[in-house]
Amino acid sequence: MSLPIYGRQGKFTFRMLAAVLVGQSIVIFFGALVARGLAAAGGDEASASRLLWVGSGLAVLALVGAGLMRSPLGITVGWLVQVLTLASAFVVTDMLFAGLIFGALWVYCLHKGRQIDRDMAAREAELAQG
């Protein structure tokens, strides 16, 4: 099973992947709020603000990736979001679970979506032939 890192995806695939990224953006934003709260509780207000902005930027990147999913670049942005979500576990360790869950969803939807797109194309070809 080879998973693409660049290129256009089928209609069903890009819809599934966009849904994963939208859900992931919400979880990332809540993770950013947790990171900010932990830093503020430690008395480091400058770091708290920076963590909130960086986490919010990652959440926005996930939304941008969802919007770009129809273009060849969308899948690349999606992979980047997956990697950065896992990297955010260095700040908020519970983000490791979010990164693993959404990473698994991403891979599953990418694999299954491509399979469904192939099946739909074959079915449409059969209908076109009569």
N, C-alpha and C. Protein backbone atom coordinates (compact mmCIF):
# COMPACT_ATOMS: atom_id res chain seq x y z
N MET A 1 0.85 -1.17 0.00
CA MET A 1 0.00 0.00 0.00
C MET A 1 0.89 1.24 0.00
N SER A 2 0.84 2.00 -1.07
CA SER A 2 1.62 3.23 -1.10
C SER A 2 0.68 4.41 -0.89
N LEU A 3 1.07 5.30 -0.01
CA LEU A 3 0.26 6.47 0.31
C LEU A 3 0.89 7.69 -0.34
N PRO A 4 0.11 8.46 -1.09
CA PRO A 4 0.66 9.62 -1.78
C PRO A 4 0.96 10.76 -0.81
N ILE A 5 1.96 11.56 -1.16
CA ILE A 5 2.25 12.76 -0.38
C ILE A 5 2.00 14.02 -1.21
N TYR A 6 1.66 13.84 -2.48
CA TYR A 6 1.35 14.96 -3.36
C TYR A 6 0.44 14.47 -4.47
N GLY A 7 -0.46 15.30 -4.90
CA GLY A 7 -1.29 14.96 -6.04
C GLY A 7 -2.77 15.08 -5.74
N ARG A 8 -3.53 15.10 -6.80
CA ARG A 8 -4.99 15.18 -6.68
C ARG A 8 -5.55 13.85 -6.21
N GLN A 9 -6.59 13.95 -5.42
CA GLN A 9 -7.27 12.76 -4.93
C GLN A 9 -8.67 12.72 -5.54
N GLY A 10 -9.27 11.55 -5.47
CA GLY A 10 -10.63 11.40 -5.96
C GLY A 10 -11.61 12.17 -5.09
N LYS A 11 -12.82 12.32 -5.60
CA LYS A 11 -13.84 13.12 -4.93
C LYS A 11 -14.15 12.61 -3.52
N PHE A 12 -14.34 11.31 -3.40
CA PHE A 12 -14.66 10.74 -2.09
C PHE A 12 -13.47 10.86 -1.14
N THR A 13 -12.28 10.62 -1.64
CA THR A 13 -11.08 10.68 -0.81
C THR A 13 -10.84 12.08 -0.26
N PHE A 14 -10.92 13.09 -1.12
CA PHE A 14 -10.61 14.43 -0.61
C PHE A 14 -11.69 14.90 0.37
N ARG A 15 -12.91 14.43 0.22
CA ARG A 15 -13.95 14.80 1.19
C ARG A 15 -13.68 14.16 2.55
N MET A 16 -13.27 12.90 2.54
CA MET A 16 -12.96 12.23 3.81
C MET A 16 -11.77 12.88 4.50
N LEU A 17 -10.74 13.18 3.72
CA LEU A 17 -9.53 13.77 4.30
C LEU A 17 -9.81 15.18 4.82
N ALA A 18 -10.63 15.93 4.11
CA ALA A 18 -10.99 17.27 4.58
C ALA A 18 -11.75 17.19 5.90
N ALA A 19 -12.63 16.21 6.03
CA ALA A 19 -13.38 16.05 7.29
C ALA A 19 -12.43 15.73 8.45
N VAL A 20 -11.43 14.90 8.19
CA VAL A 20 -10.44 14.58 9.23
C VAL A 20 -9.70 15.86 9.66
N LEU A 21 -9.29 16.66 8.71
CA LEU A 21 -8.53 17.87 9.04
C LEU A 21 -9.38 18.90 9.78
N VAL A 22 -10.66 19.01 9.44
CA VAL A 22 -11.52 19.95 10.15
C VAL A 22 -11.68 19.52 11.61
N GLY A 23 -11.93 18.25 11.83
CA GLY A 23 -12.02 17.75 13.20
C GLY A 23 -10.72 17.90 13.95
N GLN A 24 -9.63 17.65 13.26
CA GLN A 24 -8.32 17.77 13.88
C GLN A 24 -8.01 19.21 14.26
N SER A 25 -8.46 20.16 13.45
CA SER A 25 -8.19 21.57 13.76
C SER A 25 -8.85 21.98 15.08
N ILE A 26 -10.02 21.44 15.35
CA ILE A 26 -10.71 21.76 16.61
C ILE A 26 -9.91 21.21 17.79
N VAL A 27 -9.46 19.97 17.69
CA VAL A 27 -8.68 19.36 18.77
C VAL A 27 -7.35 20.10 18.96
N ILE A 28 -6.72 20.49 17.85
CA ILE A 28 -5.46 21.23 17.94
C ILE A 28 -5.66 22.55 18.66
N PHE A 29 -6.76 23.25 18.35
CA PHE A 29 -7.02 24.52 19.02
C PHE A 29 -7.21 24.33 20.52
N PHE A 30 -7.95 23.29 20.90
CA PHE A 30 -8.10 23.01 22.34
C PHE A 30 -6.76 22.65 22.98
N GLY A 31 -5.91 21.96 22.25
CA GLY A 31 -4.56 21.67 22.74
C GLY A 31 -3.75 22.95 22.93
N ALA A 32 -3.94 23.91 22.04
CA ALA A 32 -3.26 25.20 22.18
C ALA A 32 -3.74 25.94 23.43
N LEU A 33 -5.02 25.84 23.71
CA LEU A 33 -5.55 26.46 24.93
C LEU A 33 -4.97 25.80 26.18
N VAL A 34 -4.83 24.49 26.14
CA VAL A 34 -4.23 23.78 27.27
C VAL A 34 -2.77 24.20 27.45
N ALA A 35 -2.03 24.28 26.35
CA ALA A 35 -0.62 24.68 26.42
C ALA A 35 -0.49 26.09 27.01
N ARG A 36 -1.37 26.99 26.57
CA ARG A 36 -1.36 28.34 27.10
C ARG A 36 -1.67 28.34 28.59
N GLY A 37 -2.67 27.58 28.99
CA GLY A 37 -3.05 27.52 30.40
C GLY A 37 -1.94 26.96 31.28
N LEU A 38 -1.27 25.93 30.79
CA LEU A 38 -0.17 25.34 31.57
C LEU A 38 0.99 26.32 31.72
N ALA A 39 1.30 27.02 30.63
CA ALA A 39 2.40 28.00 30.71
C ALA A 39 2.02 29.18 31.60
N ALA A 40 0.78 29.63 31.52
CA ALA A 40 0.34 30.74 32.36
C ALA A 40 0.32 30.34 33.83
N ALA A 41 -0.06 29.11 34.11
CA ALA A 41 -0.07 28.63 35.49
C ALA A 41 1.35 28.56 36.05
N GLY A 42 2.32 28.34 35.17
CA GLY A 42 3.73 28.31 35.58
C GLY A 42 4.33 29.70 35.71
N GLY A 43 3.56 30.73 35.38
CA GLY A 43 4.02 32.10 35.52
C GLY A 43 4.73 32.67 34.32
N ASP A 44 4.78 31.94 33.23
CA ASP A 44 5.48 32.40 32.02
C ASP A 44 4.45 32.92 31.02
N GLU A 45 4.05 34.17 31.19
CA GLU A 45 2.98 34.75 30.37
C GLU A 45 3.41 34.94 28.91
N ALA A 46 4.67 35.28 28.67
CA ALA A 46 5.14 35.45 27.29
C ALA A 46 5.10 34.13 26.54
N SER A 47 5.53 33.08 27.19
CA SER A 47 5.50 31.76 26.57
C SER A 47 4.07 31.29 26.36
N ALA A 48 3.19 31.62 27.29
CA ALA A 48 1.78 31.23 27.18
C ALA A 48 1.16 31.83 25.93
N SER A 49 1.42 33.10 25.71
CA SER A 49 0.88 33.77 24.53
C SER A 49 1.45 33.17 23.25
N ARG A 50 2.73 32.91 23.24
CA ARG A 50 3.39 32.34 22.07
C ARG A 50 2.83 30.94 21.75
N LEU A 51 2.63 30.12 22.77
CA LEU A 51 2.09 28.78 22.57
C LEU A 51 0.68 28.83 22.00
N LEU A 52 -0.12 29.79 22.48
CA LEU A 52 -1.47 29.93 21.95
C LEU A 52 -1.44 30.32 20.48
N TRP A 53 -0.56 31.24 20.11
CA TRP A 53 -0.47 31.66 18.71
C TRP A 53 0.04 30.55 17.80
N VAL A 54 1.04 29.82 18.26
CA VAL A 54 1.58 28.72 17.44
C VAL A 54 0.53 27.62 17.28
N GLY A 55 -0.13 27.25 18.36
CA GLY A 55 -1.16 26.23 18.29
C GLY A 55 -2.33 26.66 17.43
N SER A 56 -2.73 27.91 17.55
CA SER A 56 -3.81 28.42 16.71
C SER A 56 -3.40 28.44 15.25
N GLY A 57 -2.14 28.75 14.99
CA GLY A 57 -1.64 28.72 13.62
C GLY A 57 -1.69 27.32 13.03
N LEU A 58 -1.37 26.32 13.85
CA LEU A 58 -1.45 24.93 13.38
C LEU A 58 -2.90 24.55 13.12
N ALA A 59 -3.83 25.00 13.95
CA ALA A 59 -5.25 24.73 13.73
C ALA A 59 -5.71 25.37 12.42
N VAL A 60 -5.26 26.59 12.16
CA VAL A 60 -5.62 27.26 10.91
C VAL A 60 -4.99 26.54 9.72
N LEU A 61 -3.76 26.06 9.88
CA LEU A 61 -3.12 25.29 8.81
C LEU A 61 -3.93 24.04 8.48
N ALA A 62 -4.48 23.40 9.50
CA ALA A 62 -5.33 22.23 9.25
C ALA A 62 -6.57 22.63 8.45
N LEU A 63 -7.16 23.77 8.77
CA LEU A 63 -8.32 24.24 8.00
C LEU A 63 -7.93 24.61 6.57
N VAL A 64 -6.77 25.22 6.41
CA VAL A 64 -6.29 25.55 5.06
C VAL A 64 -6.05 24.26 4.28
N GLY A 65 -5.47 23.27 4.93
CA GLY A 65 -5.27 21.98 4.28
C GLY A 65 -6.58 21.35 3.83
N ALA A 66 -7.61 21.48 4.67
CA ALA A 66 -8.92 20.95 4.29
C ALA A 66 -9.46 21.69 3.07
N GLY A 67 -9.25 22.99 3.04
CA GLY A 67 -9.70 23.77 1.89
C GLY A 67 -8.91 23.48 0.62
N LEU A 68 -7.66 23.13 0.78
CA LEU A 68 -6.80 22.84 -0.38
C LEU A 68 -6.90 21.39 -0.85
N MET A 69 -7.73 20.60 -0.22
CA MET A 69 -7.75 19.17 -0.50
C MET A 69 -8.08 18.84 -1.95
N ARG A 70 -8.76 19.72 -2.66
CA ARG A 70 -9.05 19.47 -4.07
C ARG A 70 -7.82 19.68 -4.96
N SER A 71 -6.87 20.42 -4.46
CA SER A 71 -5.67 20.70 -5.24
C SER A 71 -4.58 19.67 -4.92
N PRO A 72 -3.57 19.56 -5.77
CA PRO A 72 -2.49 18.60 -5.50
C PRO A 72 -1.72 18.90 -4.21
N LEU A 73 -1.70 20.15 -3.79
CA LEU A 73 -0.95 20.54 -2.60
C LEU A 73 -1.66 20.18 -1.30
N GLY A 74 -2.96 19.94 -1.36
CA GLY A 74 -3.75 19.66 -0.16
C GLY A 74 -3.26 18.46 0.62
N ILE A 75 -2.92 17.41 -0.08
CA ILE A 75 -2.47 16.18 0.60
C ILE A 75 -1.13 16.41 1.30
N THR A 76 -0.27 17.23 0.71
CA THR A 76 1.02 17.55 1.32
C THR A 76 0.82 18.35 2.59
N VAL A 77 -0.07 19.34 2.54
CA VAL A 77 -0.37 20.14 3.74
C VAL A 77 -0.97 19.25 4.82
N GLY A 78 -1.81 18.30 4.43
CA GLY A 78 -2.40 17.38 5.39
C GLY A 78 -1.35 16.53 6.09
N TRP A 79 -0.39 16.03 5.33
CA TRP A 79 0.70 15.26 5.95
C TRP A 79 1.51 16.14 6.91
N LEU A 80 1.75 17.38 6.51
CA LEU A 80 2.48 18.31 7.38
C LEU A 80 1.73 18.52 8.69
N VAL A 81 0.42 18.66 8.62
CA VAL A 81 -0.39 18.83 9.83
C VAL A 81 -0.27 17.59 10.71
N GLN A 82 -0.24 16.42 10.11
CA GLN A 82 -0.12 15.19 10.90
C GLN A 82 1.21 15.17 11.66
N VAL A 83 2.28 15.52 10.98
CA VAL A 83 3.60 15.53 11.62
C VAL A 83 3.68 16.58 12.72
N LEU A 84 3.17 17.77 12.44
CA LEU A 84 3.23 18.84 13.44
C LEU A 84 2.34 18.55 14.64
N THR A 85 1.24 17.85 14.42
CA THR A 85 0.39 17.47 15.55
C THR A 85 1.13 16.50 16.47
N LEU A 86 1.82 15.56 15.88
CA LEU A 86 2.63 14.65 16.70
C LEU A 86 3.74 15.41 17.42
N ALA A 87 4.35 16.38 16.74
CA ALA A 87 5.42 17.16 17.35
C ALA A 87 4.90 18.01 18.51
N SER A 88 3.63 18.39 18.47
CA SER A 88 3.07 19.21 19.54
C SER A 88 2.99 18.44 20.86
N ALA A 89 3.20 17.13 20.81
CA ALA A 89 3.21 16.33 22.04
C ALA A 89 4.40 16.69 22.93
N PHE A 90 5.40 17.35 22.38
CA PHE A 90 6.53 17.79 23.20
C PHE A 90 6.12 18.92 24.14
N VAL A 91 5.04 19.62 23.80
CA VAL A 91 4.55 20.72 24.63
C VAL A 91 3.43 20.23 25.54
N VAL A 92 2.44 19.56 24.94
CA VAL A 92 1.31 18.99 25.69
C VAL A 92 1.31 17.50 25.39
N THR A 93 1.70 16.70 26.36
CA THR A 93 1.89 15.27 26.10
C THR A 93 0.62 14.56 25.65
N ASP A 94 -0.54 15.04 26.05
CA ASP A 94 -1.79 14.41 25.62
C ASP A 94 -2.03 14.58 24.13
N MET A 95 -1.35 15.50 23.50
CA MET A 95 -1.48 15.67 22.05
C MET A 95 -0.89 14.47 21.31
N LEU A 96 -0.10 13.66 21.98
CA LEU A 96 0.39 12.43 21.36
C LEU A 96 -0.79 11.53 20.99
N PHE A 97 -1.75 11.42 21.90
CA PHE A 97 -2.93 10.60 21.62
C PHE A 97 -3.74 11.18 20.47
N ALA A 98 -3.90 12.50 20.48
CA ALA A 98 -4.63 13.15 19.39
C ALA A 98 -3.90 12.94 18.07
N GLY A 99 -2.58 13.09 18.09
CA GLY A 99 -1.79 12.89 16.88
C GLY A 99 -1.88 11.47 16.35
N LEU A 100 -1.83 10.51 17.26
CA LEU A 100 -1.92 9.11 16.84
C LEU A 100 -3.31 8.77 16.31
N ILE A 101 -4.34 9.25 16.97
CA ILE A 101 -5.70 8.96 16.53
C ILE A 101 -5.98 9.61 15.18
N PHE A 102 -5.65 10.89 15.04
CA PHE A 102 -5.92 11.57 13.77
C PHE A 102 -4.98 11.08 12.67
N GLY A 103 -3.76 10.70 13.04
CA GLY A 103 -2.86 10.11 12.05
C GLY A 103 -3.41 8.79 11.51
N ALA A 104 -3.95 7.97 12.42
CA ALA A 104 -4.55 6.71 12.00
C ALA A 104 -5.79 6.96 11.14
N LEU A 105 -6.60 7.93 11.53
CA LEU A 105 -7.77 8.29 10.71
C LEU A 105 -7.34 8.78 9.33
N TRP A 106 -6.30 9.57 9.30
CA TRP A 106 -5.79 10.11 8.04
C TRP A 106 -5.36 8.99 7.09
N VAL A 107 -4.57 8.07 7.61
CA VAL A 107 -4.09 6.95 6.79
C VAL A 107 -5.25 6.07 6.35
N TYR A 108 -6.15 5.77 7.27
CA TYR A 108 -7.29 4.92 6.94
C TYR A 108 -8.17 5.57 5.87
N CYS A 109 -8.49 6.85 6.05
CA CYS A 109 -9.33 7.55 5.07
C CYS A 109 -8.63 7.68 3.73
N LEU A 110 -7.34 7.87 3.74
CA LEU A 110 -6.59 7.96 2.49
C LEU A 110 -6.61 6.61 1.76
N HIS A 111 -6.39 5.55 2.48
CA HIS A 111 -6.39 4.22 1.88
C HIS A 111 -7.79 3.82 1.42
N LYS A 112 -8.77 3.93 2.31
CA LYS A 112 -10.13 3.49 2.01
C LYS A 112 -10.77 4.41 0.97
N GLY A 113 -10.50 5.70 1.05
CA GLY A 113 -11.07 6.63 0.08
C GLY A 113 -10.59 6.34 -1.34
N ARG A 114 -9.31 6.05 -1.47
CA ARG A 114 -8.78 5.72 -2.80
C ARG A 114 -9.41 4.43 -3.32
N GLN A 115 -9.62 3.48 -2.44
CA GLN A 115 -10.26 2.22 -2.83
C GLN A 115 -11.71 2.48 -3.28
N ILE A 116 -12.44 3.29 -2.55
CA ILE A 116 -13.82 3.60 -2.91
C ILE A 116 -13.86 4.38 -4.22
N ASP A 117 -12.94 5.31 -4.42
CA ASP A 117 -12.88 6.06 -5.69
C ASP A 117 -12.63 5.12 -6.86
N ARG A 118 -11.75 4.13 -6.70
CA ARG A 118 -11.50 3.16 -7.77
C ARG A 118 -12.75 2.34 -8.06
N ASP A 119 -13.43 1.90 -7.01
CA ASP A 119 -14.65 1.12 -7.19
C ASP A 119 -15.74 1.93 -7.89
N MET A 120 -15.87 3.19 -7.50
CA MET A 120 -16.87 4.06 -8.14
C MET A 120 -16.55 4.29 -9.61
N ALA A 121 -15.28 4.47 -9.92
CA ALA A 121 -14.88 4.67 -11.32
C ALA A 121 -15.16 3.41 -12.14
N ALA A 122 -14.89 2.24 -11.57
CA ALA A 122 -15.16 0.99 -12.28
C ALA A 122 -16.67 0.82 -12.50
N ARG A 123 -17.46 1.16 -11.51
CA ARG A 123 -18.90 1.05 -11.64
C ARG A 123 -19.44 2.01 -12.70
N GLU A 124 -18.92 3.24 -12.71
CA GLU A 124 -19.32 4.21 -13.73
C GLU A 124 -18.92 3.74 -15.13
N ALA A 125 -17.75 3.11 -15.24
CA ALA A 125 -17.31 2.59 -16.55
C ALA A 125 -18.23 1.46 -17.00
N GLU A 126 -18.66 0.61 -16.08
CA GLU A 126 -19.59 -0.47 -16.44
C GLU A 126 -20.92 0.10 -16.91
N LEU A 127 -21.41 1.11 -16.24
CA LEU A 127 -22.68 1.73 -16.63
C LEU A 127 -22.57 2.41 -17.98
N ALA A 128 -21.42 3.00 -18.26
CA ALA A 128 -21.22 3.69 -19.55
C ALA A 128 -21.17 2.69 -20.70
N GLN A 129 -20.68 1.48 -20.43
CA GLN A 129 -20.60 0.47 -21.49
C GLN A 129 -21.95 -0.17 -21.78
N GLY A 130 -22.86 -0.08 -20.86
CA GLY A 130 -24.20 -0.61 -21.13
C GLY A 130 -24.50 -1.66 -20.19
